[in-house]
Amino acid sequence: MKRSIKAIVAAGAAAIMCAMPVAASFSTLPATTLTASAADETAVVGNLKYTLNASTKKATLAGVNYMPLQNMTVPASFTWHGITYKVTSIKDSAFRGNTYLKTVDLSSAIYLTDLGRYTFMECSKLESVKLGPAVNTMGNCDFAECPKLKNFQFVTSQLDEIAPYAFRNDTALKNIDIPYSVKEIWSDAFLNTGLTEIKISNNVDYIGLSAFQNCQYLTKVTFEAGTSNLLDIRFRAFGYCPNLTTVKCDRAAIDDVYFGFQGSTNAVFSGPGAVHIHS
């Protein structure tokens, strides 16, 4: 019951916020090597803005300082006024609606744990993303509505859930390797993406409402064997995937599923867990 309430609240909040208009996340000031404002504790390093916490020596990536940034690489840390700040988080909506970004590389940001919410949503030219090794929190709609996103590398082994609407409508996204650390895939996380095949590890124990619904090119789903923990698959989790033909239920521990594959009329189920699928 607790998970159901959480799912409803999270999905509802995400739907509202994902529909809100985007606020500008950049200024038109020219890029500078290093400037800062003590009043709002803001630093500009290269072409990126950060807000600073002097007591913890942590920095939050707040957005682009100069609008036409195409390829973004975020460092692990930087020095400002003699103090070294670790980059640990990204501000909500920091890059939302950016029409210039093509690549995002966070792999060097080894202290980055929190991606924020709606962070790269509606980045119309974004093609490639590489997360950092310490990321453990992904927010609602973080990479939603990015129609050109085709290369996504999680890198991290700390992430335990894929947030609601995380990749919604990313139609160019054909393949993705979900980290083994992930236990929950929330509502609409991959709704209407271009995925062709997906493997659900035996560490996942929850797949939310419409998580993979309307994936037009999805042909194969595999539920990995090797656990006694029950997998909870919710309504239309794999619904209306017209080209889904192969569902390998190698995992026996699947809770009885009703309408989880509704509308995916060509799906053929096999394996020990198949007896629990009531499409």
Protein backbone atom coordinates (compact mmCIF):
# COMPACT_ATOMS: atom_id res chain seq x y z
CA MET A 1 0.00 0.00 0.00
CA LYS A 2 2.81 2.41 0.86
CA ARG A 3 4.41 1.83 -2.53
CA SER A 4 1.07 2.38 -4.29
CA ILE A 5 0.55 5.70 -2.52
CA LYS A 6 4.10 6.75 -3.31
CA ALA A 7 3.62 5.82 -6.96
CA ILE A 8 0.42 7.82 -7.26
CA VAL A 9 1.89 10.89 -5.56
CA ALA A 10 5.15 10.74 -7.51
CA ALA A 11 3.46 10.24 -10.85
CA GLY A 12 0.94 13.00 -10.20
CA ALA A 13 3.58 15.49 -9.15
CA ALA A 14 5.77 14.57 -12.10
CA ALA A 15 2.92 14.96 -14.57
CA ILE A 16 2.12 18.44 -13.26
CA MET A 17 5.71 19.64 -13.16
CA CYS A 18 6.65 18.11 -16.51
CA ALA A 19 3.83 20.08 -18.09
CA MET A 20 4.90 23.42 -16.59
CA PRO A 21 6.57 25.95 -18.89
CA VAL A 22 10.33 26.08 -18.79
CA ALA A 23 12.15 28.96 -17.17
CA ALA A 24 15.36 30.23 -18.73
CA SER A 25 18.40 28.47 -17.27
CA PHE A 26 21.07 30.70 -18.69
CA SER A 27 22.15 34.29 -18.87
CA THR A 28 23.51 36.23 -21.82
CA LEU A 29 26.68 37.23 -20.01
CA PRO A 30 29.89 36.31 -21.84
CA ALA A 31 31.83 33.35 -20.50
CA THR A 32 34.58 34.13 -18.08
CA THR A 33 37.31 32.04 -16.54
CA LEU A 34 36.24 32.55 -12.94
CA THR A 35 33.93 35.12 -11.37
CA ALA A 36 31.69 35.15 -8.32
CA SER A 37 29.07 37.05 -6.40
CA ALA A 38 29.32 36.89 -2.62
CA ALA A 39 25.71 38.04 -2.22
CA ASP A 40 24.16 34.93 -3.71
CA GLU A 41 27.21 32.69 -3.38
CA THR A 42 27.41 32.06 -7.09
CA ALA A 43 30.51 31.12 -9.02
CA VAL A 44 30.95 31.05 -12.79
CA VAL A 45 33.61 28.59 -13.89
CA GLY A 46 34.22 28.60 -17.61
CA ASN A 47 30.73 28.48 -19.06
CA LEU A 48 28.91 26.92 -16.11
CA LYS A 49 27.23 28.48 -13.09
CA TYR A 50 27.37 27.03 -9.59
CA THR A 51 25.82 27.90 -6.24
CA LEU A 52 28.18 27.41 -3.34
CA ASN A 53 27.89 26.21 0.25
CA ALA A 54 30.90 27.59 2.05
CA SER A 55 30.34 25.57 5.21
CA THR A 56 30.22 22.20 3.47
CA LYS A 57 32.50 23.17 0.58
CA LYS A 58 29.97 21.69 -1.83
CA ALA A 59 28.73 23.16 -5.11
CA THR A 60 25.46 22.74 -7.00
CA LEU A 61 25.59 23.03 -10.79
CA ALA A 62 22.99 25.69 -11.59
CA GLY A 63 23.10 26.02 -15.38
CA VAL A 64 24.87 27.54 -18.34
CA ASN A 65 26.34 31.02 -18.07
CA TYR A 66 26.57 31.65 -21.79
CA MET A 67 23.82 30.19 -23.90
CA PRO A 68 25.48 28.42 -26.90
CA LEU A 69 27.12 25.51 -25.03
CA GLN A 70 27.03 22.33 -27.13
CA ASN A 71 29.34 19.91 -25.33
CA MET A 72 29.32 19.99 -21.55
CA THR A 73 31.83 18.32 -19.26
CA VAL A 74 31.45 18.77 -15.51
CA PRO A 75 34.52 18.54 -13.24
CA ALA A 76 34.78 16.76 -9.92
CA SER A 77 35.69 19.99 -8.15
CA PHE A 78 37.02 23.53 -8.67
CA THR A 79 38.79 26.15 -6.59
CA TRP A 80 37.22 29.52 -5.84
CA HIS A 81 38.90 32.15 -3.65
CA GLY A 82 41.32 29.53 -2.39
CA ILE A 83 38.60 27.06 -1.40
CA THR A 84 38.04 23.80 -3.26
CA TYR A 85 34.39 22.93 -3.82
CA LYS A 86 33.14 19.46 -4.74
CA VAL A 87 30.33 19.31 -7.31
CA THR A 88 27.68 17.16 -5.57
CA SER A 89 24.34 18.06 -7.14
CA ILE A 90 22.51 19.74 -10.02
CA LYS A 91 19.76 22.30 -9.56
CA ASP A 92 16.20 21.42 -10.61
CA SER A 93 15.51 22.44 -14.24
CA ALA A 94 19.10 23.69 -14.58
CA PHE A 95 19.27 22.89 -18.31
CA ARG A 96 15.60 22.38 -19.13
CA GLY A 97 14.69 23.57 -22.60
CA ASN A 98 18.30 24.18 -23.64
CA THR A 99 18.36 24.19 -27.46
CA TYR A 100 22.15 23.97 -27.88
CA LEU A 101 23.36 21.06 -25.73
CA LYS A 102 24.39 17.99 -27.72
CA THR A 103 26.55 16.04 -25.27
CA VAL A 104 26.69 15.87 -21.48
CA ASP A 105 29.62 14.15 -19.78
CA LEU A 106 29.37 13.82 -16.00
CA SER A 107 31.81 10.91 -15.71
CA SER A 108 34.55 13.06 -14.17
CA ALA A 109 32.16 14.45 -11.54
CA ILE A 110 33.00 11.72 -9.05
CA TYR A 111 31.24 13.43 -6.13
CA LEU A 112 28.01 14.13 -7.99
CA THR A 113 25.16 12.20 -6.35
CA ASP A 114 21.94 14.12 -7.10
CA LEU A 115 20.81 14.95 -10.65
CA GLY A 116 17.92 17.16 -9.54
CA ARG A 117 14.52 17.12 -11.27
CA TYR A 118 13.52 18.10 -14.82
CA THR A 119 17.23 18.80 -15.30
CA PHE A 120 17.71 18.06 -19.00
CA MET A 121 14.07 17.86 -19.99
CA GLU A 122 13.17 19.22 -23.43
CA CYS A 123 16.78 19.58 -24.62
CA SER A 124 15.89 19.29 -28.28
CA LYS A 125 19.42 18.60 -29.60
CA LEU A 126 20.76 16.42 -26.80
CA GLU A 127 22.21 13.21 -28.27
CA SER A 128 24.56 11.72 -25.70
CA VAL A 129 24.71 11.54 -21.89
CA LYS A 130 27.23 9.89 -19.60
CA LEU A 131 26.52 9.94 -15.87
CA GLY A 132 29.05 9.90 -13.04
CA PRO A 133 30.00 6.91 -10.87
CA ALA A 134 28.43 8.24 -7.64
CA VAL A 135 24.98 9.26 -8.91
CA ASN A 136 22.35 7.79 -6.59
CA THR A 137 19.37 10.09 -7.17
CA MET A 138 17.56 10.71 -10.45
CA GLY A 139 14.61 13.09 -10.51
CA ASN A 140 11.27 13.15 -12.29
CA CYS A 141 11.43 13.89 -16.03
CA ASP A 142 15.22 14.37 -15.98
CA PHE A 143 15.73 13.35 -19.63
CA ALA A 144 12.14 13.43 -20.87
CA GLU A 145 11.18 14.94 -24.21
CA CYS A 146 14.68 14.72 -25.68
CA PRO A 147 13.84 13.43 -29.18
CA LYS A 148 17.46 13.06 -30.34
CA LEU A 149 18.86 11.30 -27.27
CA LYS A 150 20.30 8.04 -28.58
CA ASN A 151 23.31 7.27 -26.37
CA PHE A 152 22.85 7.05 -22.61
CA GLN A 153 25.40 5.53 -20.22
CA PHE A 154 24.49 5.24 -16.56
CA VAL A 155 28.08 4.44 -15.40
CA THR A 156 26.89 4.62 -11.78
CA SER A 157 26.35 1.53 -9.66
CA GLN A 158 24.70 3.54 -6.87
CA LEU A 159 21.30 4.29 -8.45
CA ASP A 160 18.40 2.35 -6.92
CA GLU A 161 15.45 3.66 -8.93
CA ILE A 162 14.51 5.11 -12.31
CA ALA A 163 12.26 8.09 -11.60
CA PRO A 164 8.82 8.72 -13.15
CA TYR A 165 8.86 10.02 -16.73
CA ALA A 166 12.68 9.92 -16.72
CA PHE A 167 13.00 9.17 -20.46
CA ARG A 168 9.45 9.80 -21.68
CA ASN A 169 9.12 10.35 -25.44
CA ASP A 170 12.83 9.82 -26.17
CA THR A 171 12.08 8.14 -29.47
CA ALA A 172 15.70 7.94 -30.66
CA LEU A 173 16.74 5.93 -27.59
CA LYS A 174 17.04 2.39 -28.98
CA ASN A 175 19.18 0.70 -26.33
CA ILE A 176 19.88 1.21 -22.65
CA ASP A 177 21.60 -0.88 -19.96
CA ILE A 178 19.85 -0.37 -16.65
CA PRO A 179 22.33 -0.71 -13.75
CA TYR A 180 22.04 -3.81 -11.60
CA SER A 181 21.69 -1.56 -8.54
CA VAL A 182 18.23 -0.39 -9.71
CA LYS A 183 15.37 -1.94 -7.72
CA GLU A 184 12.43 0.16 -8.89
CA ILE A 185 11.40 1.49 -12.29
CA TRP A 186 8.67 4.04 -11.75
CA SER A 187 5.60 5.04 -13.75
CA ASP A 188 6.08 6.12 -17.37
CA ALA A 189 9.86 5.99 -17.00
CA PHE A 190 10.37 4.78 -20.59
CA LEU A 191 6.97 5.63 -22.02
CA ASN A 192 7.05 5.96 -25.82
CA THR A 193 10.79 5.48 -26.20
CA GLY A 194 12.51 3.80 -29.14
CA LEU A 195 13.80 0.83 -27.13
CA THR A 196 14.08 -2.39 -29.12
CA GLU A 197 15.02 -4.82 -26.34
CA ILE A 198 15.16 -4.60 -22.56
CA LYS A 199 16.59 -6.83 -19.85
CA ILE A 200 15.16 -6.56 -16.34
CA SER A 201 17.74 -7.70 -13.79
CA ASN A 202 16.83 -9.97 -10.91
CA ASN A 203 17.45 -7.05 -8.54
CA VAL A 204 14.41 -5.14 -9.82
CA ASP A 205 11.32 -5.76 -7.69
CA TYR A 206 8.93 -3.10 -9.01
CA ILE A 207 7.92 -1.88 -12.47
CA GLY A 208 5.38 0.92 -12.34
CA LEU A 209 2.29 1.89 -14.28
CA SER A 210 2.97 2.31 -18.02
CA ALA A 211 6.74 2.17 -17.43
CA PHE A 212 7.42 0.82 -20.94
CA GLN A 213 4.06 1.51 -22.53
CA ASN A 214 3.79 2.40 -26.21
CA CYS A 215 7.36 1.42 -27.07
CA GLN A 216 6.65 0.89 -30.75
CA TYR A 217 9.94 -0.85 -31.59
CA LEU A 218 10.24 -3.07 -28.53
CA THR A 219 10.52 -6.69 -29.64
CA LYS A 220 11.96 -8.56 -26.66
CA VAL A 221 11.77 -8.38 -22.85
CA THR A 222 13.82 -10.64 -20.58
CA PHE A 223 13.26 -11.07 -16.86
CA GLU A 224 16.54 -12.37 -15.46
CA ALA A 225 16.50 -15.47 -13.27
CA GLY A 226 18.23 -15.84 -9.94
CA THR A 227 16.18 -14.41 -7.08
CA SER A 228 13.35 -15.39 -4.77
CA ASN A 229 12.15 -11.79 -4.36
CA LEU A 230 8.79 -11.16 -6.02
CA LEU A 231 8.66 -8.84 -9.00
CA ASP A 232 5.64 -6.52 -8.96
CA ILE A 233 4.59 -5.48 -12.49
CA ARG A 234 1.87 -2.85 -12.63
CA PHE A 235 -0.99 -2.07 -15.04
CA ARG A 236 0.13 -1.57 -18.67
CA ALA A 237 3.80 -1.61 -17.67
CA PHE A 238 4.50 -3.12 -21.10
CA GLY A 239 1.19 -2.16 -22.65
CA TYR A 240 0.52 -1.37 -26.30
CA CYS A 241 3.89 -2.44 -27.66
CA PRO A 242 2.74 -3.76 -31.05
CA ASN A 243 6.02 -5.39 -32.06
CA LEU A 244 6.71 -7.11 -28.75
CA THR A 245 6.82 -10.80 -29.61
CA THR A 246 9.23 -12.37 -27.12
CA VAL A 247 8.88 -12.20 -23.32
CA LYS A 248 11.32 -14.50 -21.54
CA CYS A 249 10.21 -15.02 -17.96
CA ASP A 250 13.38 -16.73 -16.73
CA ARG A 251 12.55 -15.31 -13.32
CA ALA A 252 10.09 -17.58 -11.50
CA ALA A 253 9.41 -15.12 -8.69
CA ILE A 254 6.90 -12.86 -10.45
CA ASP A 255 3.79 -11.72 -8.65
CA ASP A 256 0.59 -12.42 -10.55
CA VAL A 257 0.37 -9.82 -13.32
CA TYR A 258 -3.00 -8.61 -14.62
CA PHE A 259 -3.08 -6.31 -17.64
CA GLY A 260 0.65 -5.63 -17.40
CA PHE A 261 0.93 -6.40 -21.12
CA GLN A 262 -2.46 -5.07 -22.14
CA GLY A 263 -2.57 -4.24 -25.85
CA SER A 264 0.70 -6.05 -26.61
CA THR A 265 -1.24 -8.68 -28.48
CA ASN A 266 1.69 -10.32 -30.26
CA ALA A 267 3.64 -11.15 -27.10
CA VAL A 268 4.52 -14.80 -26.51
CA PHE A 269 5.55 -15.70 -22.95
CA SER A 270 8.00 -18.43 -21.99
CA GLY A 271 9.94 -19.57 -18.93
CA PRO A 272 9.00 -20.50 -15.36
CA GLY A 273 7.51 -17.09 -14.58
CA ALA A 274 5.16 -17.10 -17.53
CA VAL A 275 2.38 -18.79 -15.53
CA HIS A 276 2.01 -15.57 -13.53
CA ILE A 277 1.37 -13.36 -16.57
CA HIS A 278 -2.31 -12.71 -17.18
CA SER A 279 -1.97 -10.13 -19.93
